[in-house]
Amino acid sequence: MGWRLLRSRKAGVSAQDAVRHLMGMGFIEIRFTTYLMRREMQGEEPSSPLSHLERIRMIADICHNLPGDFRWSSNQERERRAVESLRFHLRGLAYDDSTDSQAAQWVRMQLDEVGYDYLPLLSERVRAQLAQQ
């Protein structure tokens, strides 16, 4: 049993908890990034806001369907939908240097932070790659 699985079971982090965390952190990061953009644009030598806009877009793309996971009346169905969403967003870990990969890395970082064990959602190949890192 890996340390992540122990941590997840100990903390009792469900897929629904993980999705709630993704949404909350997504909102916070989008708001903070817009603050950074405003500050840079008011400076004497503003940098290109495109990198900030791309990051905002990436996070918004990740989060925009997540609230739908909670519309079901059954807790079991909400959990199943949340697992499906997490699996979908983590699929990008299988790719190198793509938008999907960057988004999946952001999701992975958030799930690590909250203590959700996402390893069972990954393919064997991706798990092996992560074990080598």
Protein backbone atom coordinates (compact mmCIF):
# COMPACT_ATOMS: atom_id res chain seq x y z
CA MET A 1 0.00 0.00 0.00
CA GLY A 2 1.55 3.30 -1.11
CA TRP A 3 1.93 6.37 1.07
CA ARG A 4 -0.65 8.24 -1.02
CA LEU A 5 -3.27 5.57 -0.46
CA LEU A 6 -2.58 5.59 3.27
CA ARG A 7 -2.78 9.38 3.35
CA SER A 8 -6.02 9.38 1.36
CA ARG A 9 -7.68 6.77 3.55
CA LYS A 10 -6.48 8.43 6.72
CA ALA A 11 -7.82 11.81 5.65
CA GLY A 12 -11.02 10.28 4.22
CA VAL A 13 -10.68 12.28 1.02
CA SER A 14 -13.37 11.28 -1.45
CA ALA A 15 -13.44 12.06 -5.16
CA GLN A 16 -16.15 14.61 -4.37
CA ASP A 17 -13.85 16.28 -1.83
CA ALA A 18 -11.09 16.34 -4.45
CA VAL A 19 -13.40 17.92 -7.04
CA ARG A 20 -14.54 20.55 -4.54
CA HIS A 21 -10.89 21.34 -3.84
CA LEU A 22 -10.16 21.67 -7.59
CA MET A 23 -13.05 24.11 -8.00
CA GLY A 24 -12.08 26.20 -5.00
CA MET A 25 -8.41 26.39 -5.92
CA GLY A 26 -9.33 27.10 -9.54
CA PHE A 27 -11.41 30.11 -8.53
CA ILE A 28 -8.67 31.39 -6.24
CA GLU A 29 -5.94 30.99 -8.85
CA ILE A 30 -7.99 32.63 -11.60
CA ARG A 31 -8.69 35.60 -9.35
CA PHE A 32 -5.05 35.91 -8.31
CA THR A 33 -3.84 35.65 -11.91
CA THR A 34 -6.17 38.46 -12.99
CA TYR A 35 -4.74 40.54 -10.14
CA LEU A 36 -1.22 39.89 -11.45
CA MET A 37 -2.29 40.84 -14.97
CA ARG A 38 -3.77 44.12 -13.78
CA ARG A 39 -0.61 44.98 -11.84
CA GLU A 40 1.64 44.20 -14.80
CA MET A 41 -0.52 46.17 -17.21
CA GLN A 42 -0.33 49.24 -14.96
CA GLY A 43 3.47 49.04 -14.81
CA GLU A 44 5.82 50.97 -17.07
CA GLU A 45 6.88 47.91 -19.01
CA PRO A 46 3.95 45.52 -19.02
CA SER A 47 4.73 41.95 -19.96
CA SER A 48 2.57 40.05 -22.36
CA PRO A 49 -0.69 39.09 -20.66
CA LEU A 50 -1.07 36.11 -23.01
CA SER A 51 0.66 33.66 -20.68
CA HIS A 52 -1.66 34.70 -17.86
CA LEU A 53 -4.70 34.43 -20.11
CA GLU A 54 -3.68 30.95 -21.23
CA ARG A 55 -3.32 29.83 -17.61
CA ILE A 56 -6.73 31.27 -16.73
CA ARG A 57 -8.24 29.54 -19.73
CA MET A 58 -6.61 26.22 -18.80
CA ILE A 59 -7.98 26.35 -15.24
CA ALA A 60 -11.41 27.46 -16.43
CA ASP A 61 -11.46 24.54 -18.90
CA ILE A 62 -10.65 22.13 -16.08
CA CYS A 63 -13.30 23.52 -13.72
CA HIS A 64 -16.22 24.36 -15.98
CA ASN A 65 -17.94 20.93 -15.93
CA LEU A 66 -17.04 19.97 -12.36
CA PRO A 67 -20.15 21.48 -10.69
CA GLY A 68 -22.25 19.04 -12.74
CA ASP A 69 -20.78 16.17 -10.74
CA PHE A 70 -22.90 17.31 -7.77
CA ARG A 71 -26.28 17.56 -9.45
CA TRP A 72 -27.14 13.90 -8.89
CA SER A 73 -29.28 12.95 -5.89
CA SER A 74 -27.42 9.79 -4.95
CA ASN A 75 -24.12 10.15 -3.12
CA GLN A 76 -22.86 7.03 -4.92
CA GLU A 77 -23.65 8.56 -8.32
CA ARG A 78 -21.99 11.87 -7.35
CA GLU A 79 -18.88 9.98 -6.28
CA ARG A 80 -18.84 7.96 -9.52
CA ARG A 81 -19.16 11.13 -11.60
CA ALA A 82 -16.40 12.83 -9.62
CA VAL A 83 -14.09 9.85 -10.22
CA GLU A 84 -14.86 10.01 -13.95
CA SER A 85 -14.04 13.72 -14.02
CA LEU A 86 -10.74 13.20 -12.23
CA ARG A 87 -9.80 10.33 -14.55
CA PHE A 88 -10.63 12.52 -17.56
CA HIS A 89 -8.48 15.41 -16.35
CA LEU A 90 -5.54 13.18 -15.40
CA ARG A 91 -5.40 11.54 -18.84
CA GLY A 92 -3.00 14.28 -19.96
CA LEU A 93 -0.25 12.84 -17.74
CA ALA A 94 0.35 10.36 -20.56
CA TYR A 95 1.39 13.15 -22.96
CA ASP A 96 4.57 15.15 -23.26
CA ASP A 97 4.57 18.96 -23.60
CA SER A 98 0.95 19.54 -24.50
CA THR A 99 -1.86 21.64 -23.14
CA ASP A 100 -3.48 18.47 -21.77
CA SER A 101 -0.26 17.61 -19.97
CA GLN A 102 -0.04 21.04 -18.32
CA ALA A 103 -3.66 20.83 -17.21
CA ALA A 104 -3.16 17.30 -15.86
CA GLN A 105 -0.08 18.45 -13.94
CA TRP A 106 -2.12 21.25 -12.36
CA VAL A 107 -4.84 18.76 -11.38
CA ARG A 108 -2.22 16.35 -10.02
CA MET A 109 -0.63 19.09 -7.92
CA GLN A 110 -4.03 20.01 -6.44
CA LEU A 111 -4.88 16.37 -5.69
CA ASP A 112 -1.50 15.87 -4.00
CA GLU A 113 -2.21 18.94 -1.89
CA VAL A 114 -5.57 17.65 -0.68
CA GLY A 115 -4.30 14.07 -0.24
CA TYR A 116 -6.48 12.31 -2.79
CA ASP A 117 -5.09 8.99 -4.08
CA TYR A 118 -5.42 9.30 -7.85
CA LEU A 119 -2.99 6.49 -8.74
CA PRO A 120 -5.76 3.91 -9.31
CA LEU A 121 -7.23 6.24 -11.94
CA LEU A 122 -4.05 6.15 -14.04
CA SER A 123 -2.89 3.62 -16.59
CA GLU A 124 -0.06 1.26 -15.66
CA ARG A 125 2.29 3.09 -18.03
CA VAL A 126 1.63 6.47 -16.39
CA ARG A 127 1.99 4.98 -12.90
CA ALA A 128 5.37 3.56 -13.91
CA GLN A 129 6.44 6.96 -15.27
CA LEU A 130 5.43 8.68 -12.04
CA ALA A 131 7.29 6.10 -9.96
CA GLN A 132 10.49 6.93 -11.86
CA GLN A 133 10.23 10.66 -11.11
